[in-house]
Amino acid sequence: MRLHQHDAGSWIFWDYAGRIGGLAVLAAIPSARAVAFQWGKRRMPLWKIALWIVGIVSFDVYLGRWISSIVNAAFPATVLGVYFRPSGWLYFVDLVFGMALVAGSEEIVFRRCARDAFQPYLGNGYASVVATSLLFGCYHWWAGLGTIVGATMIGILLMLFLQRSDALWPVALAHYLIDVIDFA
């Protein structure tokens, strides 16, 4: 729905509606709610969490964006849409609330729920990391092959971070910071 929008306000409305609707469905189903909204106790000290976050964000800033742009330039026909850049008060709302909604919802779906769905078939090892990260990358299909590659690489790092920290909030924070830097 959002790909057919021609202004930032409509894009943001449909994007937020889809994300909030998806989270509402997860909250309404007891078995999904138990997976999606569980609270994991972190297994890492805060200083290691900070190092992981700085490392993942730095990887995206210095390598991920570069790879995405090179691949998208090599395959421009794969780019089917662009993110609208809001202005004024809508920019501020999107940067603070919207990016938090994106990070939180995507981490719940692609790290926590996808991991739980793949775990009976792939275990909790590297096959699960790759499968959930490919799914996360493919979710960004409309932004081009380069974005799929970049999102998959970041997905691998975020999933490894989740496996080591066992808490979703640091992973969502890293995702949020990546998005804020990318869209600010």
Protein backbone atom coordinates (compact mmCIF):
# COMPACT_ATOMS: atom_id res chain seq x y z
CA MET A 1 0.00 0.00 0.00
CA ARG A 2 2.74 2.46 0.91
CA LEU A 3 4.52 2.08 -2.47
CA HIS A 4 1.51 3.70 -4.16
CA GLN A 5 1.69 6.84 -2.03
CA HIS A 6 2.91 10.10 -3.51
CA ASP A 7 3.58 12.19 -0.42
CA ALA A 8 5.40 11.70 2.87
CA GLY A 9 2.29 11.97 5.06
CA SER A 10 0.42 9.20 3.25
CA TRP A 11 3.52 7.02 3.15
CA ILE A 12 4.05 7.41 6.90
CA PHE A 13 0.37 6.77 7.67
CA TRP A 14 0.30 3.47 5.78
CA ASP A 15 3.71 2.42 7.06
CA TYR A 16 2.75 3.03 10.70
CA ALA A 17 -0.70 1.45 10.22
CA GLY A 18 0.87 -1.73 8.85
CA ARG A 19 3.42 -1.99 11.62
CA ILE A 20 0.97 -1.24 14.43
CA GLY A 21 -1.55 -3.63 12.87
CA GLY A 22 1.06 -6.39 12.70
CA LEU A 23 2.03 -5.86 16.32
CA ALA A 24 -1.66 -5.87 17.30
CA VAL A 25 -2.14 -9.24 15.58
CA LEU A 26 0.86 -10.64 17.45
CA ALA A 27 -0.53 -9.26 20.72
CA ALA A 28 -4.00 -10.72 20.07
CA ILE A 29 -2.81 -14.31 19.56
CA PRO A 30 -1.71 -15.80 22.91
CA SER A 31 0.99 -18.10 21.51
CA ALA A 32 2.39 -15.31 19.30
CA ARG A 33 2.24 -12.84 22.18
CA ALA A 34 4.27 -15.22 24.36
CA VAL A 35 7.06 -15.25 21.75
CA ALA A 36 6.90 -11.68 20.45
CA PHE A 37 6.65 -9.80 23.73
CA GLN A 38 8.69 -11.90 26.12
CA TRP A 39 11.23 -10.09 28.23
CA GLY A 40 14.70 -11.65 28.02
CA LYS A 41 17.21 -11.02 30.77
CA ARG A 42 20.40 -9.72 29.21
CA ARG A 43 23.46 -11.94 29.44
CA MET A 44 25.99 -9.22 28.64
CA PRO A 45 27.35 -6.37 30.69
CA LEU A 46 26.32 -2.92 29.50
CA TRP A 47 29.83 -2.06 28.27
CA LYS A 48 29.80 -5.05 25.89
CA ILE A 49 26.33 -4.08 24.69
CA ALA A 50 27.65 -0.59 23.96
CA LEU A 51 30.60 -2.03 22.01
CA TRP A 52 28.29 -4.27 19.95
CA ILE A 53 26.01 -1.32 19.17
CA VAL A 54 28.92 0.93 18.15
CA GLY A 55 30.36 -1.88 16.01
CA ILE A 56 27.10 -2.67 14.21
CA VAL A 57 26.29 0.99 13.59
CA SER A 58 29.84 1.64 12.36
CA PHE A 59 29.63 -1.37 10.03
CA ASP A 60 26.45 0.05 8.51
CA VAL A 61 27.82 3.58 8.18
CA TYR A 62 31.19 2.65 6.72
CA LEU A 63 30.52 -0.56 4.80
CA GLY A 64 26.82 -1.42 4.60
CA ARG A 65 25.70 1.79 2.91
CA TRP A 66 28.62 1.64 0.49
CA ILE A 67 27.83 -1.94 -0.55
CA SER A 68 24.13 -1.12 -0.92
CA SER A 69 24.82 1.87 -3.13
CA ILE A 70 27.31 -0.05 -5.32
CA VAL A 71 24.91 -2.96 -5.86
CA ASN A 72 21.91 -0.67 -6.46
CA ALA A 73 23.98 1.32 -8.99
CA ALA A 74 24.92 -1.90 -10.77
CA PHE A 75 21.28 -3.10 -10.81
CA PRO A 76 19.16 0.09 -10.95
CA ALA A 77 16.09 -1.71 -12.30
CA THR A 78 15.71 -3.51 -8.96
CA VAL A 79 14.95 -0.24 -7.14
CA LEU A 80 11.15 0.00 -7.22
CA GLY A 81 10.62 2.81 -4.74
CA VAL A 82 12.27 5.34 -2.46
CA TYR A 83 11.64 6.51 1.06
CA PHE A 84 9.82 9.79 1.20
CA ARG A 85 11.58 12.50 3.18
CA PRO A 86 9.09 14.31 5.39
CA SER A 87 9.69 17.89 6.43
CA GLY A 88 8.78 20.09 9.36
CA TRP A 89 7.05 18.54 12.37
CA LEU A 90 6.40 15.32 10.44
CA TYR A 91 10.15 14.85 10.02
CA PHE A 92 10.67 15.10 13.78
CA VAL A 93 7.78 12.70 14.55
CA ASP A 94 9.07 10.20 11.99
CA LEU A 95 12.65 10.43 13.20
CA VAL A 96 11.73 9.87 16.85
CA PHE A 97 8.53 7.81 16.84
CA GLY A 98 8.64 6.29 13.37
CA MET A 99 12.20 4.99 13.54
CA ALA A 100 11.49 3.51 16.99
CA LEU A 101 8.37 1.81 15.61
CA VAL A 102 10.32 0.46 12.63
CA ALA A 103 13.18 -0.84 14.77
CA GLY A 104 10.93 -2.35 17.42
CA SER A 105 8.48 -4.01 15.05
CA GLU A 106 11.17 -5.38 12.72
CA GLU A 107 13.21 -6.76 15.61
CA ILE A 108 10.17 -8.46 17.11
CA VAL A 109 9.19 -10.00 13.77
CA PHE A 110 12.57 -10.82 12.22
CA ARG A 111 14.71 -11.58 15.22
CA ARG A 112 12.34 -12.95 17.84
CA CYS A 113 9.38 -14.46 15.90
CA ALA A 114 11.36 -15.66 12.88
CA ARG A 115 13.98 -17.23 15.14
CA ASP A 116 11.24 -19.04 17.04
CA ALA A 117 9.62 -20.22 13.78
CA PHE A 118 12.89 -21.49 12.25
CA GLN A 119 14.36 -22.98 15.43
CA PRO A 120 12.60 -26.39 15.21
CA TYR A 121 14.00 -26.86 11.69
CA LEU A 122 17.37 -25.10 11.82
CA GLY A 123 18.29 -25.02 15.49
CA ASN A 124 19.69 -21.88 17.05
CA GLY A 125 22.98 -21.80 15.15
CA TYR A 126 24.32 -20.15 12.04
CA ALA A 127 21.68 -21.64 9.71
CA SER A 128 19.01 -19.86 11.73
CA VAL A 129 21.03 -16.63 11.68
CA VAL A 130 21.34 -16.78 7.88
CA ALA A 131 17.69 -17.75 7.30
CA THR A 132 16.24 -14.98 9.47
CA SER A 133 18.67 -12.46 8.02
CA LEU A 134 17.76 -13.38 4.44
CA LEU A 135 14.11 -12.99 5.36
CA PHE A 136 14.88 -9.57 6.85
CA GLY A 137 16.83 -8.58 3.74
CA CYS A 138 14.07 -9.72 1.40
CA TYR A 139 11.56 -7.64 3.36
CA HIS A 140 13.37 -4.63 1.91
CA TRP A 141 12.93 -5.93 -1.69
CA TRP A 142 11.31 -2.82 -3.08
CA ALA A 143 14.35 -0.63 -2.26
CA GLY A 144 16.62 -2.64 -4.57
CA LEU A 145 19.02 -5.55 -4.58
CA GLY A 146 21.68 -3.47 -2.82
CA THR A 147 19.32 -2.76 0.04
CA ILE A 148 18.51 -6.47 0.28
CA VAL A 149 22.23 -7.27 0.51
CA GLY A 150 22.88 -4.50 3.05
CA ALA A 151 19.87 -5.39 5.19
CA THR A 152 20.86 -9.07 5.13
CA MET A 153 24.37 -8.23 6.36
CA ILE A 154 23.01 -6.00 9.14
CA GLY A 155 20.45 -8.73 9.93
CA ILE A 156 23.27 -11.23 10.47
CA LEU A 157 25.01 -8.89 12.91
CA LEU A 158 21.77 -8.08 14.74
CA MET A 159 20.84 -11.77 15.05
CA LEU A 160 24.30 -12.67 16.38
CA PHE A 161 23.93 -9.79 18.85
CA LEU A 162 20.55 -11.14 19.98
CA GLN A 163 21.95 -14.64 20.44
CA ARG A 164 24.76 -13.34 22.61
CA SER A 165 22.84 -10.74 24.62
CA ASP A 166 19.55 -12.66 24.87
CA ALA A 167 17.71 -9.35 25.19
CA LEU A 168 15.84 -7.63 22.38
CA TRP A 169 16.11 -4.04 23.58
CA PRO A 170 19.84 -3.62 22.77
CA VAL A 171 19.27 -5.09 19.30
CA ALA A 172 16.32 -2.75 18.71
CA LEU A 173 18.42 0.17 19.96
CA ALA A 174 21.18 -0.66 17.44
CA HIS A 175 18.58 -0.91 14.67
CA TYR A 176 17.04 2.41 15.75
CA LEU A 177 20.42 4.18 15.69
CA ILE A 178 21.19 2.77 12.23
CA ASP A 179 17.85 4.04 10.92
CA VAL A 180 18.22 7.46 12.55
CA ILE A 181 21.69 7.88 11.03
CA ASP A 182 20.52 6.64 7.62
CA PHE A 183 17.47 8.93 7.53
CA ALA A 184 18.61 11.99 9.47
